[in-house]
């Protein structure tokens, strides 16, 4: 085996807001700094979020300065309630229909 999965990383112009959004959507929480850290990490640092039940991967929300220029070639598939995700700020890209058995949503970072 050449590698094994460790974490997932997402880039965002407003990484703090996107971290909060994914925490609300997935029930994740921000990872606290290690014990003994003298102060919280600077706001411009990446934000690690995790599943407090231990079922999901650690996700790093990384700050970037350049806007997104093309469609993502990777996406997250999640189970959820469309209306709740829309209320949190997701955008409906395509509704479930006879050709597609799921809704396609974009997180608030999709255009960034």
Protein backbone atom coordinates (compact mmCIF):
# COMPACT_ATOMS: atom_id res chain seq x y z
CA UNK A 1 0.00 0.00 0.00
CA UNK A 2 1.49 3.31 -1.07
CA UNK A 3 -0.83 5.52 1.01
CA UNK A 4 -3.85 5.53 3.27
CA UNK A 5 -6.56 8.12 3.83
CA UNK A 6 -5.82 10.66 6.58
CA UNK A 7 -7.95 13.83 6.39
CA UNK A 8 -10.09 15.79 3.98
CA UNK A 9 -9.18 19.38 3.07
CA UNK A 10 -11.49 22.04 1.63
CA UNK A 11 -10.29 25.45 0.42
CA UNK A 12 -12.38 28.58 0.94
CA UNK A 13 -12.13 32.34 0.64
CA UNK A 14 -14.04 32.66 3.95
CA UNK A 15 -12.76 29.56 5.69
CA UNK A 16 -14.12 30.56 9.10
CA UNK A 17 -17.69 30.87 7.78
CA UNK A 18 -17.41 27.65 5.77
CA UNK A 19 -16.12 25.78 8.84
CA UNK A 20 -19.16 26.99 10.77
CA UNK A 21 -21.45 25.96 7.90
CA UNK A 22 -20.07 22.42 7.68
CA UNK A 23 -20.21 22.10 11.48
CA UNK A 24 -23.91 23.01 11.40
CA UNK A 25 -24.63 20.78 8.39
CA UNK A 26 -22.77 17.69 9.62
CA UNK A 27 -22.96 18.07 13.40
CA UNK A 28 -19.18 18.53 13.49
CA UNK A 29 -17.32 20.75 15.95
CA UNK A 30 -14.14 22.76 15.76
CA UNK A 31 -11.12 20.93 17.13
CA UNK A 32 -9.73 22.64 20.20
CA UNK A 33 -6.02 23.58 20.33
CA UNK A 34 -3.79 21.08 22.16
CA UNK A 35 -3.75 21.34 25.94
CA UNK A 36 -1.16 23.82 27.11
CA UNK A 37 -1.40 25.99 24.00
CA UNK A 38 -0.80 29.56 25.11
CA UNK A 39 -3.62 31.06 23.01
CA UNK A 40 -6.15 30.19 20.34
CA UNK A 41 -4.74 29.85 16.82
CA UNK A 42 -4.80 32.99 14.65
CA UNK A 43 -7.99 33.47 12.61
CA UNK A 44 -6.04 33.14 9.35
CA UNK A 45 -4.93 29.57 10.14
CA UNK A 46 -6.79 26.54 8.74
CA UNK A 47 -9.74 25.34 10.83
CA UNK A 48 -9.90 21.63 11.70
CA UNK A 49 -13.41 20.28 12.31
CA UNK A 50 -14.35 16.78 13.39
CA UNK A 51 -17.25 14.45 14.11
CA UNK A 52 -17.60 14.31 17.92
CA UNK A 53 -19.02 10.78 17.58
CA UNK A 54 -15.87 9.67 15.75
CA UNK A 55 -17.69 8.38 12.67
CA UNK A 56 -16.49 10.89 10.07
CA UNK A 57 -13.08 12.08 8.92
CA UNK A 58 -11.25 15.14 10.19
CA UNK A 59 -11.88 18.02 7.76
CA UNK A 60 -9.50 20.95 7.38
CA UNK A 61 -11.05 24.16 6.06
CA UNK A 62 -8.12 26.03 4.55
CA UNK A 63 -7.98 29.73 3.69
CA UNK A 64 -7.16 30.68 0.12
CA UNK A 65 -6.99 34.10 -1.53
CA UNK A 66 -7.84 33.16 -5.11
CA UNK A 67 -11.48 32.61 -6.17
CA UNK A 68 -12.52 29.31 -7.65
CA UNK A 69 -12.16 29.27 -11.45
CA UNK A 70 -13.71 25.97 -12.51
CA UNK A 71 -16.04 23.20 -11.41
CA UNK A 72 -14.77 21.02 -8.58
CA UNK A 73 -13.56 17.59 -9.63
CA UNK A 74 -14.29 16.24 -6.16
CA UNK A 75 -17.40 16.63 -4.04
CA UNK A 76 -18.85 15.35 -0.78
CA UNK A 77 -21.81 12.97 -0.85
CA UNK A 78 -23.86 13.32 2.33
CA UNK A 79 -27.18 12.07 3.64
CA UNK A 80 -29.40 14.89 4.79
CA UNK A 81 -32.58 16.86 4.53
CA UNK A 82 -32.66 19.17 1.54
CA UNK A 83 -34.79 21.86 3.18
CA UNK A 84 -32.58 21.97 6.28
CA UNK A 85 -29.42 22.30 4.19
CA UNK A 86 -31.03 25.01 2.07
CA UNK A 87 -32.03 26.86 5.25
CA UNK A 88 -28.38 26.72 6.35
CA UNK A 89 -27.31 28.43 3.12
CA UNK A 90 -26.81 25.64 0.56
CA UNK A 91 -27.91 26.25 -3.03
CA UNK A 92 -30.04 23.81 -4.98
CA UNK A 93 -28.17 22.95 -8.19
CA UNK A 94 -30.47 20.18 -9.45
CA UNK A 95 -33.54 18.52 -7.97
CA UNK A 96 -34.08 14.79 -7.84
CA UNK A 97 -35.86 13.68 -11.01
CA UNK A 98 -36.44 10.62 -13.19
CA UNK A 99 -32.80 10.61 -14.32
CA UNK A 100 -31.16 11.43 -10.98
CA UNK A 101 -32.23 9.80 -7.71
CA UNK A 102 -30.79 12.54 -5.45
CA UNK A 103 -30.66 16.30 -5.09
CA UNK A 104 -27.50 18.16 -6.00
CA UNK A 105 -26.69 20.97 -3.57
CA UNK A 106 -23.75 23.36 -3.33
CA UNK A 107 -22.35 24.67 -0.05
CA UNK A 108 -22.04 28.45 0.43
CA UNK A 109 -18.42 28.28 -0.79
CA UNK A 110 -19.35 26.86 -4.21
CA UNK A 111 -18.93 30.11 -6.11
CA UNK A 112 -15.76 31.12 -4.29
